[in-house]
Amino acid sequence: MSTHRFSVIIEKDEDGFFAYCPQLQGCYTQGETHEEALENLKDAIRLHVEDRLANGETIPSLEYLTLSAVEMEL
């Protein structure tokens, strides 16, 4: 077993929280709370990675991450 680091983004929306992993295309979920969304995303990542490994695919590694917000008057 090896350790991998994944970036995750969790956003609040009108239905609760939406969570996704940008490194793993199509790996996303939701939850009523931030904590639930994070736990659901951990499960989704685990299943996504298991599927990739079963198909002989590589697991992308997190090499660089920056997160910024911009405020603009439009």
N, C-alpha and C. Protein backbone atom coordinates (compact mmCIF):
# COMPACT_ATOMS: atom_id res chain seq x y z
N MET A 1 0.86 -1.18 0.00
CA MET A 1 0.00 0.00 0.00
C MET A 1 0.90 1.23 0.00
N SER A 2 0.57 2.21 -0.81
CA SER A 2 1.34 3.45 -0.86
C SER A 2 0.44 4.64 -0.56
N THR A 3 1.06 5.74 -0.21
CA THR A 3 0.32 6.95 0.13
C THR A 3 0.33 7.90 -1.05
N HIS A 4 -0.82 8.47 -1.36
CA HIS A 4 -0.96 9.44 -2.44
C HIS A 4 -1.60 10.70 -1.88
N ARG A 5 -1.25 11.83 -2.46
CA ARG A 5 -1.86 13.10 -2.06
C ARG A 5 -2.69 13.61 -3.24
N PHE A 6 -3.94 13.96 -2.95
CA PHE A 6 -4.85 14.46 -3.97
C PHE A 6 -5.36 15.84 -3.56
N SER A 7 -5.55 16.68 -4.55
CA SER A 7 -6.19 17.96 -4.28
C SER A 7 -7.70 17.74 -4.27
N VAL A 8 -8.38 18.42 -3.38
CA VAL A 8 -9.84 18.33 -3.32
C VAL A 8 -10.40 19.74 -3.20
N ILE A 9 -11.54 19.93 -3.80
CA ILE A 9 -12.23 21.21 -3.73
C ILE A 9 -13.64 20.95 -3.24
N ILE A 10 -14.04 21.70 -2.25
CA ILE A 10 -15.39 21.57 -1.70
C ILE A 10 -16.03 22.95 -1.73
N GLU A 11 -17.17 23.02 -2.39
CA GLU A 11 -17.88 24.28 -2.54
C GLU A 11 -19.29 24.15 -1.97
N LYS A 12 -19.74 25.19 -1.32
CA LYS A 12 -21.12 25.22 -0.81
C LYS A 12 -22.03 25.63 -1.96
N ASP A 13 -23.15 24.92 -2.08
CA ASP A 13 -24.16 25.31 -3.06
C ASP A 13 -25.54 25.26 -2.41
N GLU A 14 -26.58 25.47 -3.16
CA GLU A 14 -27.92 25.56 -2.58
C GLU A 14 -28.42 24.23 -2.02
N ASP A 15 -27.78 23.10 -2.42
CA ASP A 15 -28.21 21.79 -1.95
C ASP A 15 -27.32 21.24 -0.84
N GLY A 16 -26.28 21.95 -0.47
CA GLY A 16 -25.34 21.46 0.53
C GLY A 16 -23.93 21.76 0.09
N PHE A 17 -23.13 20.71 -0.13
CA PHE A 17 -21.74 20.87 -0.52
C PHE A 17 -21.41 19.95 -1.69
N PHE A 18 -20.67 20.48 -2.64
CA PHE A 18 -20.22 19.76 -3.82
C PHE A 18 -18.71 19.59 -3.70
N ALA A 19 -18.22 18.38 -3.87
CA ALA A 19 -16.80 18.10 -3.70
C ALA A 19 -16.27 17.35 -4.91
N TYR A 20 -15.04 17.71 -5.30
CA TYR A 20 -14.43 17.00 -6.42
C TYR A 20 -12.91 17.00 -6.31
N CYS A 21 -12.31 16.10 -7.07
CA CYS A 21 -10.86 15.93 -7.12
C CYS A 21 -10.41 16.26 -8.54
N PRO A 22 -9.80 17.43 -8.75
CA PRO A 22 -9.40 17.84 -10.10
C PRO A 22 -8.43 16.87 -10.79
N GLN A 23 -7.62 16.17 -10.03
CA GLN A 23 -6.66 15.24 -10.60
C GLN A 23 -7.31 14.02 -11.23
N LEU A 24 -8.49 13.68 -10.76
CA LEU A 24 -9.17 12.47 -11.22
C LEU A 24 -10.45 12.86 -11.94
N GLN A 25 -10.37 12.96 -13.24
CA GLN A 25 -11.50 13.42 -14.03
C GLN A 25 -12.76 12.60 -13.74
N GLY A 26 -13.84 13.28 -13.45
CA GLY A 26 -15.10 12.62 -13.18
C GLY A 26 -15.27 12.15 -11.74
N CYS A 27 -14.34 12.48 -10.88
CA CYS A 27 -14.41 12.06 -9.49
C CYS A 27 -15.00 13.19 -8.65
N TYR A 28 -16.29 13.07 -8.37
CA TYR A 28 -16.98 14.11 -7.62
C TYR A 28 -18.13 13.51 -6.84
N THR A 29 -18.63 14.26 -5.87
CA THR A 29 -19.74 13.81 -5.03
C THR A 29 -20.35 15.02 -4.35
N GLN A 30 -21.24 14.75 -3.41
CA GLN A 30 -21.86 15.84 -2.66
C GLN A 30 -22.17 15.37 -1.26
N GLY A 31 -22.61 16.29 -0.42
CA GLY A 31 -23.01 15.95 0.93
C GLY A 31 -23.80 17.10 1.53
N GLU A 32 -24.54 16.81 2.57
CA GLU A 32 -25.33 17.86 3.24
C GLU A 32 -24.44 18.78 4.05
N THR A 33 -23.31 18.26 4.54
CA THR A 33 -22.36 19.06 5.32
C THR A 33 -20.98 18.97 4.66
N HIS A 34 -20.10 19.88 5.05
CA HIS A 34 -18.72 19.84 4.55
C HIS A 34 -18.07 18.50 4.88
N GLU A 35 -18.23 18.06 6.11
CA GLU A 35 -17.63 16.81 6.56
C GLU A 35 -18.16 15.61 5.78
N GLU A 36 -19.47 15.59 5.54
CA GLU A 36 -20.06 14.49 4.78
C GLU A 36 -19.54 14.50 3.34
N ALA A 37 -19.45 15.67 2.74
CA ALA A 37 -18.94 15.77 1.37
C ALA A 37 -17.49 15.27 1.31
N LEU A 38 -16.67 15.62 2.30
CA LEU A 38 -15.28 15.18 2.32
C LEU A 38 -15.19 13.67 2.47
N GLU A 39 -15.96 13.09 3.37
CA GLU A 39 -15.95 11.63 3.54
C GLU A 39 -16.43 10.93 2.28
N ASN A 40 -17.49 11.47 1.66
CA ASN A 40 -17.98 10.89 0.41
C ASN A 40 -16.92 10.98 -0.68
N LEU A 41 -16.18 12.08 -0.71
CA LEU A 41 -15.14 12.23 -1.72
C LEU A 41 -13.99 11.26 -1.48
N LYS A 42 -13.64 11.03 -0.25
CA LYS A 42 -12.60 10.03 0.05
C LYS A 42 -13.02 8.66 -0.49
N ASP A 43 -14.28 8.30 -0.30
CA ASP A 43 -14.79 7.03 -0.84
C ASP A 43 -14.73 7.03 -2.37
N ALA A 44 -15.13 8.14 -2.99
CA ALA A 44 -15.12 8.24 -4.44
C ALA A 44 -13.69 8.14 -4.98
N ILE A 45 -12.75 8.78 -4.32
CA ILE A 45 -11.34 8.71 -4.74
C ILE A 45 -10.84 7.28 -4.63
N ARG A 46 -11.13 6.63 -3.51
CA ARG A 46 -10.70 5.24 -3.31
C ARG A 46 -11.23 4.34 -4.44
N LEU A 47 -12.50 4.46 -4.76
CA LEU A 47 -13.08 3.64 -5.82
C LEU A 47 -12.49 3.99 -7.18
N HIS A 48 -12.28 5.27 -7.44
CA HIS A 48 -11.70 5.72 -8.70
C HIS A 48 -10.29 5.15 -8.87
N VAL A 49 -9.49 5.24 -7.83
CA VAL A 49 -8.11 4.75 -7.88
C VAL A 49 -8.09 3.23 -8.04
N GLU A 50 -8.94 2.52 -7.31
CA GLU A 50 -9.00 1.07 -7.45
C GLU A 50 -9.33 0.67 -8.88
N ASP A 51 -10.26 1.38 -9.50
CA ASP A 51 -10.63 1.10 -10.88
C ASP A 51 -9.47 1.37 -11.84
N ARG A 52 -8.78 2.48 -11.63
CA ARG A 52 -7.63 2.81 -12.49
C ARG A 52 -6.55 1.75 -12.36
N LEU A 53 -6.26 1.32 -11.14
CA LEU A 53 -5.24 0.30 -10.94
C LEU A 53 -5.64 -1.02 -11.58
N ALA A 54 -6.91 -1.38 -11.46
CA ALA A 54 -7.40 -2.63 -12.05
C ALA A 54 -7.27 -2.61 -13.57
N ASN A 55 -7.31 -1.41 -14.16
CA ASN A 55 -7.19 -1.27 -15.61
C ASN A 55 -5.76 -0.96 -16.05
N GLY A 56 -4.81 -1.05 -15.12
CA GLY A 56 -3.41 -0.83 -15.45
C GLY A 56 -3.05 0.62 -15.71
N GLU A 57 -3.89 1.54 -15.25
CA GLU A 57 -3.63 2.97 -15.44
C GLU A 57 -2.79 3.51 -14.29
N THR A 58 -2.12 4.63 -14.55
CA THR A 58 -1.32 5.26 -13.51
C THR A 58 -2.20 6.16 -12.65
N ILE A 59 -1.70 6.46 -11.48
CA ILE A 59 -2.37 7.37 -10.57
C ILE A 59 -1.61 8.69 -10.61
N PRO A 60 -2.28 9.78 -11.00
CA PRO A 60 -1.56 11.06 -11.06
C PRO A 60 -1.15 11.52 -9.67
N SER A 61 0.02 12.14 -9.62
CA SER A 61 0.49 12.66 -8.34
C SER A 61 0.37 14.18 -8.34
N LEU A 62 0.20 14.71 -7.16
CA LEU A 62 0.08 16.15 -6.99
C LEU A 62 1.47 16.75 -6.93
N GLU A 63 1.85 17.49 -7.97
CA GLU A 63 3.17 18.09 -8.01
C GLU A 63 3.14 19.56 -7.61
N TYR A 64 2.07 20.25 -7.97
CA TYR A 64 2.01 21.68 -7.70
C TYR A 64 0.55 22.08 -7.60
N LEU A 65 0.24 22.91 -6.64
CA LEU A 65 -1.13 23.37 -6.46
C LEU A 65 -1.11 24.81 -5.97
N THR A 66 -1.90 25.63 -6.59
CA THR A 66 -2.11 26.98 -6.09
C THR A 66 -3.60 27.25 -6.16
N LEU A 67 -4.10 27.92 -5.17
CA LEU A 67 -5.51 28.28 -5.14
C LEU A 67 -5.60 29.76 -4.86
N SER A 68 -6.30 30.45 -5.71
CA SER A 68 -6.45 31.90 -5.56
C SER A 68 -7.89 32.29 -5.80
N ALA A 69 -8.21 33.44 -5.29
CA ALA A 69 -9.53 34.03 -5.56
C ALA A 69 -9.28 35.44 -6.08
N VAL A 70 -10.09 35.86 -7.00
CA VAL A 70 -9.98 37.21 -7.51
C VAL A 70 -11.31 37.91 -7.31
N GLU A 71 -11.25 39.16 -6.97
CA GLU A 71 -12.45 39.98 -6.83
C GLU A 71 -12.38 41.05 -7.90
N MET A 72 -13.46 41.15 -8.69
CA MET A 72 -13.45 42.09 -9.80
C MET A 72 -14.76 42.83 -9.89
N GLU A 73 -14.69 44.06 -10.25
CA GLU A 73 -15.90 44.82 -10.55
C GLU A 73 -16.17 44.66 -12.04
N LEU A 74 -17.36 44.23 -12.36
CA LEU A 74 -17.72 44.02 -13.76
C LEU A 74 -18.93 44.83 -14.14
